[in-house]
Amino acid sequence: MQAPQEILLAEPRGFCAGVDRAIEIVERAIQKFGAPIYVRHEIVHNTYVVNDLKAKGAIFIEELSDVPPGATLVFSAHGVSKAVEQEAKDRGFHIFDATCPLVTKVHVEVAKLAKEGYEFIMIGHKGHPEVEGTMGQLDHGIHLVEDVADVARVQPGQTDKLAVVTQTTLSVDDAAEISAAVRARFPSVREPKQQDICYATQNRQDAVKVLSPQVDVVIVVGSPTSSNSNRLRELAAKLGTTAYMVDSADELQGEWFKGRARVGLTAGASAPEILVQQVIDRIKVLGAVSVRSMAGIEETIKFPLPKGLKIDAATGLEIRERAPETGPSAH
C-alpha cells in the first residue's frame, strides 16, 4: 500500500488573535501576581494549552465558589453571563476579562438592541460556554436555535422587533442556511451589520475549502471541545474528503494514510503550532517526504491586553497607561 508522500499545510491555521490574547492574559497575570491564578472554564478549548497553563500556576474552575476570597480570576475567551460577572464582583475577586473582543462585540450589540425593545434569536450550540455567556446577557427574550428545524418551532414573544445573533465559531455555511430559514419565517428580522462569525473561523474554513479537493485525507489538530476545530473536520468531510481530528500526534493511526499520497493538515483557532509540528513529524515517520504550505490570507490582527497587564518587554515593569487626551485636538 502506498504511504503518504506530501503534507499540504492550510493557511491560515491555528491560533487566532483572541486565543493569543487570552493565553497572554493568564501568563501575564501569573507573572505579575504570582501563582495561583484562577480561570473560569478552560481559557480556550485545547488540552495542551490548558495543561501548559496549569503547569505554570493556573487553576481552572467552573464554580466561583471554588475561588478563595481576594484571588485573581480570569474569565475565559468564550465570555460569561451577566450573572457570573456580577457574582465575581460581589465575591471581591481581582478580575481580568479574557473574553474575545469579537464575542464582546456580540454582547454589546445584544445589550444595545435589548434597550430598544428587541428580542433575539441566537444561532448556536446548546451548552457551549460562548452561547451561555451571550444568552446570559439578558434574563429573558433570547431564543436559541441549533438547526433549521428549531427555526420552525421557536416562539418569540413578539416579532415586530426581532434580531438574530450567532455564536462566533459556527460553520459559515450552516449558519447561513439557518439564517436564511430565520429570514424566511421572520422577514423583518434584523441581522448584524457585520457577520458575527469571527474572521479567524471564516478564514480557516475558507482554507479547508481550498485544501480538501487537493488532498486524499485531511487531519485537523484540535480538541474535542473546540467548536471551530470540529467544524473544520465536518467541512472537509462534507466536501468529500476523509477527515480526522486529533488532540495530539499520539492519536494518529497508520491505517488512515494507507493509499493516501497527499495529506492536508490544518488546526483549529485554539490549537498551538507546536502540535501541528509534532503531527508533521509523525506523518514523516509514516513516509511523507515533503511539506508544502498553501497560499492563504495572512492574519495581522492583534487585540490589546486589558489595563494592568501591559508589561514593558525591556524592563519587565508594568506600563502605566496615560489618560486619553480630551478636547478639540483629540481624535
C-alpha atoms as a PDB file:
ATOM      1  CA  MET A   1       0.000   0.000   0.000  1.00  0.00           C
ATOM      2  CA  GLN A   2       1.248   3.475  -0.855  1.00  0.00           C
ATOM      3  CA  ALA A   3       2.452   5.590   2.103  1.00  0.00           C
ATOM      4  CA  PRO A   4       1.859   9.353   2.390  1.00  0.00           C
ATOM      5  CA  GLN A   5       4.201  11.364   0.155  1.00  0.00           C
ATOM      6  CA  GLU A   6       3.331  15.010   0.749  1.00  0.00           C
ATOM      7  CA  ILE A   7       1.804  17.132   3.506  1.00  0.00           C
ATOM      8  CA  LEU A   8      -0.088  20.237   2.393  1.00  0.00           C
ATOM      9  CA  LEU A   9      -0.487  22.830   5.163  1.00  0.00           C
ATOM     10  CA  ALA A  10      -3.583  25.043   5.273  1.00  0.00           C
ATOM     11  CA  GLU A  11      -3.029  28.789   5.582  1.00  0.00           C
ATOM     12  CA  PRO A  12      -4.125  30.268   7.882  1.00  0.00           C
ATOM     13  CA  ARG A  13      -4.385  27.683  10.673  1.00  0.00           C
ATOM     14  CA  GLY A  14      -4.005  27.544  14.443  1.00  0.00           C
ATOM     15  CA  PHE A  15      -4.061  30.391  16.940  1.00  0.00           C
ATOM     16  CA  CYS A  16      -6.178  33.466  16.256  1.00  0.00           C
ATOM     17  CA  ALA A  17      -5.773  36.892  17.864  1.00  0.00           C
ATOM     18  CA  GLY A  18      -8.441  36.221  20.521  1.00  0.00           C
ATOM     19  CA  VAL A  19      -6.734  32.992  21.638  1.00  0.00           C
ATOM     20  CA  ASP A  20      -3.279  34.633  21.645  1.00  0.00           C
ATOM     21  CA  ARG A  21      -4.664  37.417  23.832  1.00  0.00           C
ATOM     22  CA  ALA A  22      -6.461  35.067  26.256  1.00  0.00           C
ATOM     23  CA  ILE A  23      -3.372  32.917  26.858  1.00  0.00           C
ATOM     24  CA  GLU A  24      -1.196  36.008  27.281  1.00  0.00           C
ATOM     25  CA  ILE A  25      -3.616  37.424  29.862  1.00  0.00           C
ATOM     26  CA  VAL A  26      -3.270  34.282  32.014  1.00  0.00           C
ATOM     27  CA  GLU A  27       0.532  34.147  31.621  1.00  0.00           C
ATOM     28  CA  ARG A  28       0.950  37.837  32.493  1.00  0.00           C
ATOM     29  CA  ALA A  29      -1.403  37.594  35.458  1.00  0.00           C
ATOM     30  CA  ILE A  30       0.718  34.713  36.827  1.00  0.00           C
ATOM     31  CA  GLN A  31       3.879  36.725  36.139  1.00  0.00           C
ATOM     32  CA  LYS A  32       2.531  39.827  37.853  1.00  0.00           C
ATOM     33  CA  PHE A  33       0.530  38.438  40.785  1.00  0.00           C
ATOM     34  CA  GLY A  34       2.146  35.025  41.267  1.00  0.00           C
ATOM     35  CA  ALA A  35       0.521  31.590  41.228  1.00  0.00           C
ATOM     36  CA  PRO A  36      -2.148  30.508  41.603  1.00  0.00           C
ATOM     37  CA  ILE A  37      -4.339  32.425  39.181  1.00  0.00           C
ATOM     38  CA  TYR A  38      -7.896  31.125  38.856  1.00  0.00           C
ATOM     39  CA  VAL A  39      -9.518  30.777  35.425  1.00  0.00           C
ATOM     40  CA  ARG A  40     -13.246  30.237  34.981  1.00  0.00           C
ATOM     41  CA  HIS A  41     -13.658  27.448  32.427  1.00  0.00           C
ATOM     42  CA  GLU A  42     -10.887  26.328  30.053  1.00  0.00           C
ATOM     43  CA  ILE A  43      -9.253  29.575  28.871  1.00  0.00           C
ATOM     44  CA  VAL A  44      -9.511  28.182  25.320  1.00  0.00           C
ATOM     45  CA  HIS A  45     -10.689  24.733  24.267  1.00  0.00           C
ATOM     46  CA  ASN A  46      -7.345  22.995  23.891  1.00  0.00           C
ATOM     47  CA  THR A  47      -5.951  20.282  26.167  1.00  0.00           C
ATOM     48  CA  TYR A  48      -2.278  21.139  25.532  1.00  0.00           C
ATOM     49  CA  VAL A  49      -2.788  24.853  26.274  1.00  0.00           C
ATOM     50  CA  VAL A  50      -4.773  24.151  29.463  1.00  0.00           C
ATOM     51  CA  ASN A  51      -2.169  21.662  30.755  1.00  0.00           C
ATOM     52  CA  ASP A  52       0.662  24.077  29.933  1.00  0.00           C
ATOM     53  CA  LEU A  53      -1.022  26.879  31.901  1.00  0.00           C
ATOM     54  CA  LYS A  54      -1.786  24.505  34.805  1.00  0.00           C
ATOM     55  CA  ALA A  55       1.940  23.742  34.992  1.00  0.00           C
ATOM     56  CA  LYS A  56       2.653  27.494  35.169  1.00  0.00           C
ATOM     57  CA  GLY A  57       0.220  28.039  38.037  1.00  0.00           C
ATOM     58  CA  ALA A  58      -3.294  28.432  36.636  1.00  0.00           C
ATOM     59  CA  ILE A  59      -6.188  26.662  38.363  1.00  0.00           C
ATOM     60  CA  PHE A  60      -9.239  26.051  36.171  1.00  0.00           C
ATOM     61  CA  ILE A  61     -12.638  26.105  37.876  1.00  0.00           C
ATOM     62  CA  GLU A  62     -16.283  26.090  36.792  1.00  0.00           C
ATOM     63  CA  GLU A  63     -17.890  27.381  40.011  1.00  0.00           C
ATOM     64  CA  LEU A  64     -16.896  30.720  41.517  1.00  0.00           C
ATOM     65  CA  SER A  65     -17.412  29.194  44.986  1.00  0.00           C
ATOM     66  CA  ASP A  66     -14.171  27.261  44.324  1.00  0.00           C
ATOM     67  CA  VAL A  67     -12.166  30.516  44.195  1.00  0.00           C
ATOM     68  CA  PRO A  68     -10.816  31.872  47.509  1.00  0.00           C
ATOM     69  CA  PRO A  69     -11.747  35.454  48.503  1.00  0.00           C
ATOM     70  CA  GLY A  70      -9.423  38.134  47.142  1.00  0.00           C
ATOM     71  CA  ALA A  71      -7.948  35.853  44.452  1.00  0.00           C
ATOM     72  CA  THR A  72      -7.186  36.897  40.888  1.00  0.00           C
ATOM     73  CA  LEU A  73      -9.748  35.489  38.433  1.00  0.00           C
ATOM     74  CA  VAL A  74      -9.644  35.382  34.630  1.00  0.00           C
ATOM     75  CA  PHE A  75     -12.788  34.909  32.525  1.00  0.00           C
ATOM     76  CA  SER A  76     -12.199  32.581  29.557  1.00  0.00           C
ATOM     77  CA  ALA A  77     -12.133  33.686  25.911  1.00  0.00           C
ATOM     78  CA  HIS A  78     -15.728  32.456  25.474  1.00  0.00           C
ATOM     79  CA  GLY A  79     -17.265  35.177  27.668  1.00  0.00           C
ATOM     80  CA  VAL A  80     -19.569  34.947  30.677  1.00  0.00           C
ATOM     81  CA  SER A  81     -23.157  35.791  31.565  1.00  0.00           C
ATOM     82  CA  LYS A  82     -24.128  38.931  33.467  1.00  0.00           C
ATOM     83  CA  ALA A  83     -24.930  36.715  36.480  1.00  0.00           C
ATOM     84  CA  VAL A  84     -21.407  35.237  36.571  1.00  0.00           C
ATOM     85  CA  GLU A  85     -19.878  38.694  36.094  1.00  0.00           C
ATOM     86  CA  GLN A  86     -21.936  40.110  38.972  1.00  0.00           C
ATOM     87  CA  GLU A  87     -21.209  37.164  41.284  1.00  0.00           C
ATOM     88  CA  ALA A  88     -17.462  37.550  40.653  1.00  0.00           C
ATOM     89  CA  LYS A  89     -17.664  41.264  41.526  1.00  0.00           C
ATOM     90  CA  ASP A  90     -19.742  40.532  44.638  1.00  0.00           C
ATOM     91  CA  ARG A  91     -17.158  37.994  45.800  1.00  0.00           C
ATOM     92  CA  GLY A  92     -14.466  40.655  45.526  1.00  0.00           C
ATOM     93  CA  PHE A  93     -12.119  38.930  43.087  1.00  0.00           C
ATOM     94  CA  HIS A  94      -9.432  40.782  41.165  1.00  0.00           C
ATOM     95  CA  ILE A  95     -10.888  40.181  37.675  1.00  0.00           C
ATOM     96  CA  PHE A  96      -9.296  40.139  34.234  1.00  0.00           C
ATOM     97  CA  ASP A  97     -11.641  39.511  31.318  1.00  0.00           C
ATOM     98  CA  ALA A  98     -10.107  37.419  28.520  1.00  0.00           C
ATOM     99  CA  THR A  99     -13.368  37.345  26.527  1.00  0.00           C
ATOM    100  CA  CYS A 100     -12.518  37.553  22.827  1.00  0.00           C
ATOM    101  CA  PRO A 101     -13.280  41.114  21.645  1.00  0.00           C
ATOM    102  CA  LEU A 102     -15.365  39.641  18.803  1.00  0.00           C
ATOM    103  CA  VAL A 103     -17.581  37.887  21.379  1.00  0.00           C
ATOM    104  CA  THR A 104     -17.753  41.108  23.406  1.00  0.00           C
ATOM    105  CA  LYS A 105     -18.966  42.863  20.230  1.00  0.00           C
ATOM    106  CA  VAL A 106     -21.960  40.465  20.139  1.00  0.00           C
ATOM    107  CA  HIS A 107     -22.654  41.104  23.853  1.00  0.00           C
ATOM    108  CA  VAL A 108     -22.605  44.876  23.280  1.00  0.00           C
ATOM    109  CA  GLU A 109     -24.993  44.564  20.319  1.00  0.00           C
ATOM    110  CA  VAL A 110     -27.417  42.432  22.387  1.00  0.00           C
ATOM    111  CA  ALA A 111     -27.390  44.957  25.249  1.00  0.00           C
ATOM    112  CA  LYS A 112     -27.929  47.910  22.891  1.00  0.00           C
ATOM    113  CA  LEU A 113     -30.825  46.350  20.960  1.00  0.00           C
ATOM    114  CA  ALA A 114     -32.469  44.944  24.116  1.00  0.00           C
ATOM    115  CA  LYS A 115     -32.749  48.534  25.383  1.00  0.00           C
ATOM    116  CA  GLU A 116     -34.636  49.323  22.156  1.00  0.00           C
ATOM    117  CA  GLY A 117     -37.109  46.533  22.913  1.00  0.00           C
ATOM    118  CA  TYR A 118     -35.687  43.771  20.709  1.00  0.00           C
ATOM    119  CA  GLU A 119     -35.962  40.042  21.281  1.00  0.00           C
ATOM    120  CA  PHE A 120     -33.274  37.767  19.832  1.00  0.00           C
ATOM    121  CA  ILE A 121     -32.842  34.519  18.003  1.00  0.00           C
ATOM    122  CA  MET A 122     -29.388  33.097  18.693  1.00  0.00           C
ATOM    123  CA  ILE A 123     -27.883  30.552  16.304  1.00  0.00           C
ATOM    124  CA  GLY A 124     -25.506  28.311  18.240  1.00  0.00           C
ATOM    125  CA  HIS A 125     -24.829  25.063  20.081  1.00  0.00           C
ATOM    126  CA  LYS A 126     -26.672  24.470  23.344  1.00  0.00           C
ATOM    127  CA  GLY A 127     -24.328  24.183  26.324  1.00  0.00           C
ATOM    128  CA  HIS A 128     -21.355  25.836  24.626  1.00  0.00           C
ATOM    129  CA  PRO A 129     -19.874  28.403  27.057  1.00  0.00           C
ATOM    130  CA  GLU A 130     -19.972  31.177  24.454  1.00  0.00           C
ATOM    131  CA  VAL A 131     -23.698  30.575  23.891  1.00  0.00           C
ATOM    132  CA  GLU A 132     -24.341  30.513  27.662  1.00  0.00           C
ATOM    133  CA  GLY A 133     -22.404  33.793  28.019  1.00  0.00           C
ATOM    134  CA  THR A 134     -24.247  35.564  25.197  1.00  0.00           C
ATOM    135  CA  MET A 135     -27.707  34.307  26.185  1.00  0.00           C
ATOM    136  CA  GLY A 136     -26.869  35.253  29.769  1.00  0.00           C
ATOM    137  CA  GLN A 137     -26.544  38.924  28.796  1.00  0.00           C
ATOM    138  CA  LEU A 138     -30.340  39.084  29.212  1.00  0.00           C
ATOM    139  CA  ASP A 139     -32.704  37.455  31.674  1.00  0.00           C
ATOM    140  CA  HIS A 140     -35.368  36.858  29.010  1.00  0.00           C
ATOM    141  CA  GLY A 141     -36.140  37.385  25.315  1.00  0.00           C
ATOM    142  CA  ILE A 142     -33.270  35.439  23.717  1.00  0.00           C
ATOM    143  CA  HIS A 143     -34.141  32.150  21.981  1.00  0.00           C
ATOM    144  CA  LEU A 144     -31.606  29.512  20.881  1.00  0.00           C
ATOM    145  CA  VAL A 145     -31.884  27.710  17.553  1.00  0.00           C
ATOM    146  CA  GLU A 146     -29.398  24.948  16.667  1.00  0.00           C
ATOM    147  CA  ASP A 147     -30.705  23.988  13.234  1.00  0.00           C
ATOM    148  CA  VAL A 148     -33.325  24.778  10.588  1.00  0.00           C
ATOM    149  CA  ALA A 149     -35.929  22.575  12.349  1.00  0.00           C
ATOM    150  CA  ASP A 150     -35.577  24.708  15.507  1.00  0.00           C
ATOM    151  CA  VAL A 151     -36.402  27.842  13.486  1.00  0.00           C
ATOM    152  CA  ALA A 152     -39.859  26.445  12.688  1.00  0.00           C
ATOM    153  CA  ARG A 153     -40.507  25.782  16.392  1.00  0.00           C
ATOM    154  CA  VAL A 154     -39.177  28.952  18.027  1.00  0.00           C
ATOM    155  CA  GLN A 155     -41.844  31.195  19.579  1.00  0.00           C
ATOM    156  CA  PRO A 156     -40.621  34.734  20.326  1.00  0.00           C
ATOM    157  CA  GLY A 157     -42.924  36.902  22.453  1.00  0.00           C
ATOM    158  CA  GLN A 158     -43.237  39.400  19.590  1.00  0.00           C
ATOM    159  CA  THR A 159     -41.939  39.699  16.032  1.00  0.00           C
ATOM    160  CA  ASP A 160     -42.014  43.469  15.446  1.00  0.00           C
ATOM    161  CA  LYS A 161     -38.540  43.856  16.912  1.00  0.00           C
ATOM    162  CA  LEU A 162     -36.536  40.692  16.382  1.00  0.00           C
ATOM    163  CA  ALA A 163     -32.773  40.416  15.811  1.00  0.00           C
ATOM    164  CA  VAL A 164     -30.502  37.479  15.048  1.00  0.00           C
ATOM    165  CA  VAL A 165     -27.063  36.846  16.564  1.00  0.00           C
ATOM    166  CA  THR A 166     -24.723  33.874  16.125  1.00  0.00           C
ATOM    167  CA  GLN A 167     -22.050  32.008  18.029  1.00  0.00           C
ATOM    168  CA  THR A 168     -18.740  33.206  16.556  1.00  0.00           C
ATOM    169  CA  THR A 169     -17.271  29.725  15.892  1.00  0.00           C
ATOM    170  CA  LEU A 170     -20.020  28.128  13.788  1.00  0.00           C
ATOM    171  CA  SER A 171     -19.781  26.654  10.316  1.00  0.00           C
ATOM    172  CA  VAL A 172     -20.201  29.628   7.988  1.00  0.00           C
ATOM    173  CA  ASP A 173     -22.349  27.570   5.585  1.00  0.00           C
ATOM    174  CA  ASP A 174     -24.562  26.063   8.310  1.00  0.00           C
ATOM    175  CA  ALA A 175     -25.100  29.490   9.899  1.00  0.00           C
ATOM    176  CA  ALA A 176     -26.042  30.955   6.505  1.00  0.00           C
ATOM    177  CA  GLU A 177     -28.599  28.170   5.970  1.00  0.00           C
ATOM    178  CA  ILE A 178     -30.159  28.698   9.422  1.00  0.00           C
ATOM    179  CA  SER A 179     -30.127  32.493   8.948  1.00  0.00           C
ATOM    180  CA  ALA A 180     -31.988  32.052   5.653  1.00  0.00           C
ATOM    181  CA  ALA A 181     -34.641  29.972   7.462  1.00  0.00           C
ATOM    182  CA  VAL A 182     -34.966  32.705  10.130  1.00  0.00           C
ATOM    183  CA  ARG A 183     -35.394  35.360   7.378  1.00  0.00           C
ATOM    184  CA  ALA A 184     -37.975  33.232   5.597  1.00  0.00           C
ATOM    185  CA  ARG A 185     -40.074  32.881   8.762  1.00  0.00           C
ATOM    186  CA  PHE A 186     -39.448  36.396  10.104  1.00  0.00           C
ATOM    187  CA  PRO A 187     -38.889  38.622   7.022  1.00  0.00           C
ATOM    188  CA  SER A 188     -38.341  41.799   9.061  1.00  0.00           C
ATOM    189  CA  VAL A 189     -35.668  40.257  11.337  1.00  0.00           C
ATOM    190  CA  ARG A 190     -32.679  42.488  11.975  1.00  0.00           C
ATOM    191  CA  GLU A 191     -29.325  40.946  11.080  1.00  0.00           C
ATOM    192  CA  PRO A 192     -25.915  42.078  12.338  1.00  0.00           C
ATOM    193  CA  LYS A 193     -24.239  44.810  10.275  1.00  0.00           C
ATOM    194  CA  GLN A 194     -21.133  42.658  10.195  1.00  0.00           C
ATOM    195  CA  GLN A 195     -21.426  38.895  10.378  1.00  0.00           C
ATOM    196  CA  ASP A 196     -20.943  37.603  13.934  1.00  0.00           C
ATOM    197  CA  ILE A 197     -18.859  34.607  12.828  1.00  0.00           C
ATOM    198  CA  CYS A 198     -15.284  35.638  13.519  1.00  0.00           C
ATOM    199  CA  TYR A 199     -12.702  36.386  10.836  1.00  0.00           C
ATOM    200  CA  ALA A 200     -10.454  33.518  12.023  1.00  0.00           C
ATOM    201  CA  THR A 201     -13.253  30.932  11.888  1.00  0.00           C
ATOM    202  CA  GLN A 202     -14.170  32.154   8.387  1.00  0.00           C
ATOM    203  CA  ASN A 203     -10.540  32.152   7.170  1.00  0.00           C
ATOM    204  CA  ARG A 204      -9.802  28.646   8.477  1.00  0.00           C
ATOM    205  CA  GLN A 205     -12.977  27.273   6.895  1.00  0.00           C
ATOM    206  CA  ASP A 206     -12.176  29.004   3.583  1.00  0.00           C
ATOM    207  CA  ALA A 207      -8.675  27.461   3.678  1.00  0.00           C
ATOM    208  CA  VAL A 208     -10.143  23.965   4.206  1.00  0.00           C
ATOM    209  CA  LYS A 209     -12.419  24.517   1.198  1.00  0.00           C
ATOM    210  CA  VAL A 210      -9.298  25.157  -0.909  1.00  0.00           C
ATOM    211  CA  LEU A 211      -7.270  22.376   0.739  1.00  0.00           C
ATOM    212  CA  SER A 212      -9.755  19.484   0.709  1.00  0.00           C
ATOM    213  CA  PRO A 213     -10.077  18.918  -3.064  1.00  0.00           C
ATOM    214  CA  GLN A 214      -6.258  18.810  -3.392  1.00  0.00           C
ATOM    215  CA  VAL A 215      -5.624  16.016  -0.856  1.00  0.00           C
ATOM    216  CA  ASP A 216      -6.612  12.416  -0.082  1.00  0.00           C
ATOM    217  CA  VAL A 217      -7.155  12.875   3.652  1.00  0.00           C
ATOM    218  CA  VAL A 218      -7.462  15.887   5.980  1.00  0.00           C
ATOM    219  CA  ILE A 219      -6.115  15.967   9.533  1.00  0.00           C
ATOM    220  CA  VAL A 220      -7.439  18.689  11.847  1.00  0.00           C
ATOM    221  CA  VAL A 221      -5.450  19.417  15.006  1.00  0.00           C
ATOM    222  CA  GLY A 222      -7.891  20.383  17.755  1.00  0.00           C
ATOM    223  CA  SER A 223      -9.522  19.249  20.991  1.00  0.00           C
ATOM    224  CA  PRO A 224     -12.946  17.532  21.062  1.00  0.00           C
ATOM    225  CA  THR A 225     -14.419  20.508  22.991  1.00  0.00           C
ATOM    226  CA  SER A 226     -13.304  23.034  20.346  1.00  0.00           C
ATOM    227  CA  SER A 227     -16.290  24.141  18.275  1.00  0.00           C
ATOM    228  CA  ASN A 228     -14.288  25.696  15.442  1.00  0.00           C
ATOM    229  CA  SER A 229     -11.989  22.624  15.186  1.00  0.00           C
ATOM    230  CA  ASN A 230     -14.987  20.290  14.931  1.00  0.00           C
ATOM    231  CA  ARG A 231     -16.438  22.488  12.185  1.00  0.00           C
ATOM    232  CA  LEU A 232     -13.193  22.179  10.149  1.00  0.00           C
ATOM    233  CA  ARG A 233     -13.344  18.373  10.252  1.00  0.00           C
ATOM    234  CA  GLU A 234     -17.050  18.374   9.356  1.00  0.00           C
ATOM    235  CA  LEU A 235     -16.434  20.775   6.471  1.00  0.00           C
ATOM    236  CA  ALA A 236     -13.667  18.630   4.947  1.00  0.00           C
ATOM    237  CA  ALA A 237     -15.903  15.542   5.219  1.00  0.00           C
ATOM    238  CA  LYS A 238     -18.839  17.433   3.674  1.00  0.00           C
ATOM    239  CA  LEU A 239     -16.584  18.282   0.727  1.00  0.00           C
ATOM    240  CA  GLY A 240     -15.982  14.568   0.197  1.00  0.00           C
ATOM    241  CA  THR A 241     -12.532  14.187   1.749  1.00  0.00           C
ATOM    242  CA  THR A 242     -11.941  11.707   4.566  1.00  0.00           C
ATOM    243  CA  ALA A 243     -11.114  13.774   7.659  1.00  0.00           C
ATOM    244  CA  TYR A 244      -9.946  13.088  11.203  1.00  0.00           C
ATOM    245  CA  MET A 245      -9.465  15.351  14.220  1.00  0.00           C
ATOM    246  CA  VAL A 246      -6.638  14.712  16.702  1.00  0.00           C
ATOM    247  CA  ASP A 247      -5.761  16.325  20.027  1.00  0.00           C
ATOM    248  CA  SER A 248      -2.111  15.302  19.613  1.00  0.00           C
ATOM    249  CA  ALA A 249       0.233  13.361  17.311  1.00  0.00           C
ATOM    250  CA  ASP A 250      -0.232  10.265  19.517  1.00  0.00           C
ATOM    251  CA  GLU A 251      -3.787   9.871  18.201  1.00  0.00           C
ATOM    252  CA  LEU A 252      -2.724   9.485  14.554  1.00  0.00           C
ATOM    253  CA  GLN A 253      -3.321   5.984  13.189  1.00  0.00           C
ATOM    254  CA  GLY A 254      -1.178   4.482  10.432  1.00  0.00           C
ATOM    255  CA  GLU A 255      -4.122   2.995   8.529  1.00  0.00           C
ATOM    256  CA  TRP A 256      -5.576   6.481   7.933  1.00  0.00           C
ATOM    257  CA  PHE A 257      -2.734   7.144   5.494  1.00  0.00           C
ATOM    258  CA  LYS A 258      -2.589   3.862   3.564  1.00  0.00           C
ATOM    259  CA  GLY A 259      -3.073   4.530  -0.119  1.00  0.00           C
ATOM    260  CA  ARG A 260      -3.343   8.273   0.528  1.00  0.00           C
ATOM    261  CA  ALA A 261      -0.407  10.087  -1.023  1.00  0.00           C
ATOM    262  CA  ARG A 262      -1.363  13.660  -0.113  1.00  0.00           C
ATOM    263  CA  VAL A 263      -2.258  14.671   3.420  1.00  0.00           C
ATOM    264  CA  GLY A 264      -3.930  18.009   4.179  1.00  0.00           C
ATOM    265  CA  LEU A 265      -3.202  19.454   7.613  1.00  0.00           C
ATOM    266  CA  THR A 266      -4.895  22.292   9.479  1.00  0.00           C
ATOM    267  CA  ALA A 267      -5.519  23.348  13.078  1.00  0.00           C
ATOM    268  CA  GLY A 268      -8.382  24.981  14.942  1.00  0.00           C
ATOM    269  CA  ALA A 269      -8.035  28.514  16.291  1.00  0.00           C
ATOM    270  CA  SER A 270      -7.206  27.231  19.802  1.00  0.00           C
ATOM    271  CA  ALA A 271      -4.546  24.692  18.717  1.00  0.00           C
ATOM    272  CA  PRO A 272      -0.869  25.722  19.083  1.00  0.00           C
ATOM    273  CA  GLU A 273       1.616  25.352  16.223  1.00  0.00           C
ATOM    274  CA  ILE A 274       3.815  23.025  18.314  1.00  0.00           C
ATOM    275  CA  LEU A 275       1.101  20.361  17.975  1.00  0.00           C
ATOM    276  CA  VAL A 276       0.996  20.855  14.190  1.00  0.00           C
ATOM    277  CA  GLN A 277       4.781  20.356  14.029  1.00  0.00           C
ATOM    278  CA  GLN A 278       4.526  17.165  16.111  1.00  0.00           C
ATOM    279  CA  VAL A 279       1.841  15.839  13.731  1.00  0.00           C
ATOM    280  CA  ILE A 280       4.086  16.666  10.745  1.00  0.00           C
ATOM    281  CA  ASP A 281       6.984  14.754  12.380  1.00  0.00           C
ATOM    282  CA  ARG A 282       4.741  11.719  12.970  1.00  0.00           C
ATOM    283  CA  ILE A 283       3.406  11.691   9.395  1.00  0.00           C
ATOM    284  CA  LYS A 284       7.012  11.923   8.135  1.00  0.00           C
ATOM    285  CA  VAL A 285       7.799   8.781  10.136  1.00  0.00           C
ATOM    286  CA  LEU A 286       4.928   7.113   8.248  1.00  0.00           C
ATOM    287  CA  GLY A 287       6.569   8.051   4.934  1.00  0.00           C
ATOM    288  CA  ALA A 288       5.849  11.674   3.975  1.00  0.00           C
ATOM    289  CA  VAL A 289       8.892  13.293   2.366  1.00  0.00           C
ATOM    290  CA  SER A 290       7.752  16.828   1.606  1.00  0.00           C
ATOM    291  CA  VAL A 291       5.805  19.584   3.372  1.00  0.00           C
ATOM    292  CA  ARG A 292       4.290  22.465   1.456  1.00  0.00           C
ATOM    293  CA  SER A 293       2.263  25.463   2.646  1.00  0.00           C
ATOM    294  CA  MET A 294      -0.743  26.621   0.656  1.00  0.00           C
ATOM    295  CA  ALA A 295      -1.056  30.269  -0.237  1.00  0.00           C
ATOM    296  CA  GLY A 296      -3.587  31.935   2.031  1.00  0.00           C
ATOM    297  CA  ILE A 297      -4.689  35.057   3.856  1.00  0.00           C
ATOM    298  CA  GLU A 298      -2.098  36.471   6.238  1.00  0.00           C
ATOM    299  CA  GLU A 299      -3.706  37.474   9.524  1.00  0.00           C
ATOM    300  CA  THR A 300      -2.176  40.560  11.147  1.00  0.00           C
ATOM    301  CA  ILE A 301      -4.902  41.490  13.641  1.00  0.00           C
ATOM    302  CA  LYS A 302      -3.819  41.817  17.293  1.00  0.00           C
ATOM    303  CA  PHE A 303      -6.100  42.663  20.199  1.00  0.00           C
ATOM    304  CA  PRO A 304      -4.875  44.877  23.079  1.00  0.00           C
ATOM    305  CA  LEU A 305      -4.426  43.495  26.577  1.00  0.00           C
ATOM    306  CA  PRO A 306      -6.543  44.733  29.499  1.00  0.00           C
ATOM    307  CA  LYS A 307      -5.198  47.583  31.630  1.00  0.00           C
ATOM    308  CA  GLY A 308      -2.968  46.392  34.436  1.00  0.00           C
ATOM    309  CA  LEU A 309      -1.329  43.624  32.383  1.00  0.00           C
ATOM    310  CA  LYS A 310       0.737  45.591  29.889  1.00  0.00           C
ATOM    311  CA  ILE A 311       4.396  44.919  30.680  1.00  0.00           C
ATOM    312  CA  ASP A 312       7.422  46.567  29.048  1.00  0.00           C
ATOM    313  CA  ALA A 313       9.410  43.771  27.399  1.00  0.00           C
ATOM    314  CA  ALA A 314      12.744  45.512  28.085  1.00  0.00           C
ATOM    315  CA  THR A 315      12.252  46.336  31.778  1.00  0.00           C
ATOM    316  CA  GLY A 316       9.654  43.765  32.851  1.00  0.00           C
ATOM    317  CA  LEU A 317       7.764  46.635  34.517  1.00  0.00           C
ATOM    318  CA  GLU A 318       4.080  47.406  34.093  1.00  0.00           C
ATOM    319  CA  ILE A 319       3.334  50.093  31.531  1.00  0.00           C
ATOM    320  CA  ARG A 320       1.352  52.861  33.224  1.00  0.00           C
ATOM    321  CA  GLU A 321      -1.324  53.983  30.823  1.00  0.00           C
ATOM    322  CA  ARG A 322      -1.641  57.677  30.082  1.00  0.00           C
ATOM    323  CA  ALA A 323      -5.115  59.111  30.415  1.00  0.00           C
ATOM    324  CA  PRO A 324      -6.634  59.701  26.967  1.00  0.00           C
ATOM    325  CA  GLU A 325      -6.437  63.264  25.673  1.00  0.00           C
ATOM    326  CA  THR A 326      -9.644  65.239  25.542  1.00  0.00           C
ATOM    327  CA  GLY A 327     -10.627  68.466  23.887  1.00  0.00           C
ATOM    328  CA  PRO A 328     -10.716  69.736  20.313  1.00  0.00           C
ATOM    329  CA  SER A 329      -7.350  68.236  19.290  1.00  0.00           C
ATOM    330  CA  ALA A 330      -8.211  64.667  20.365  1.00  0.00           C
ATOM    331  CA  HIS A 331      -9.247  62.300  17.613  1.00  0.00           C
END
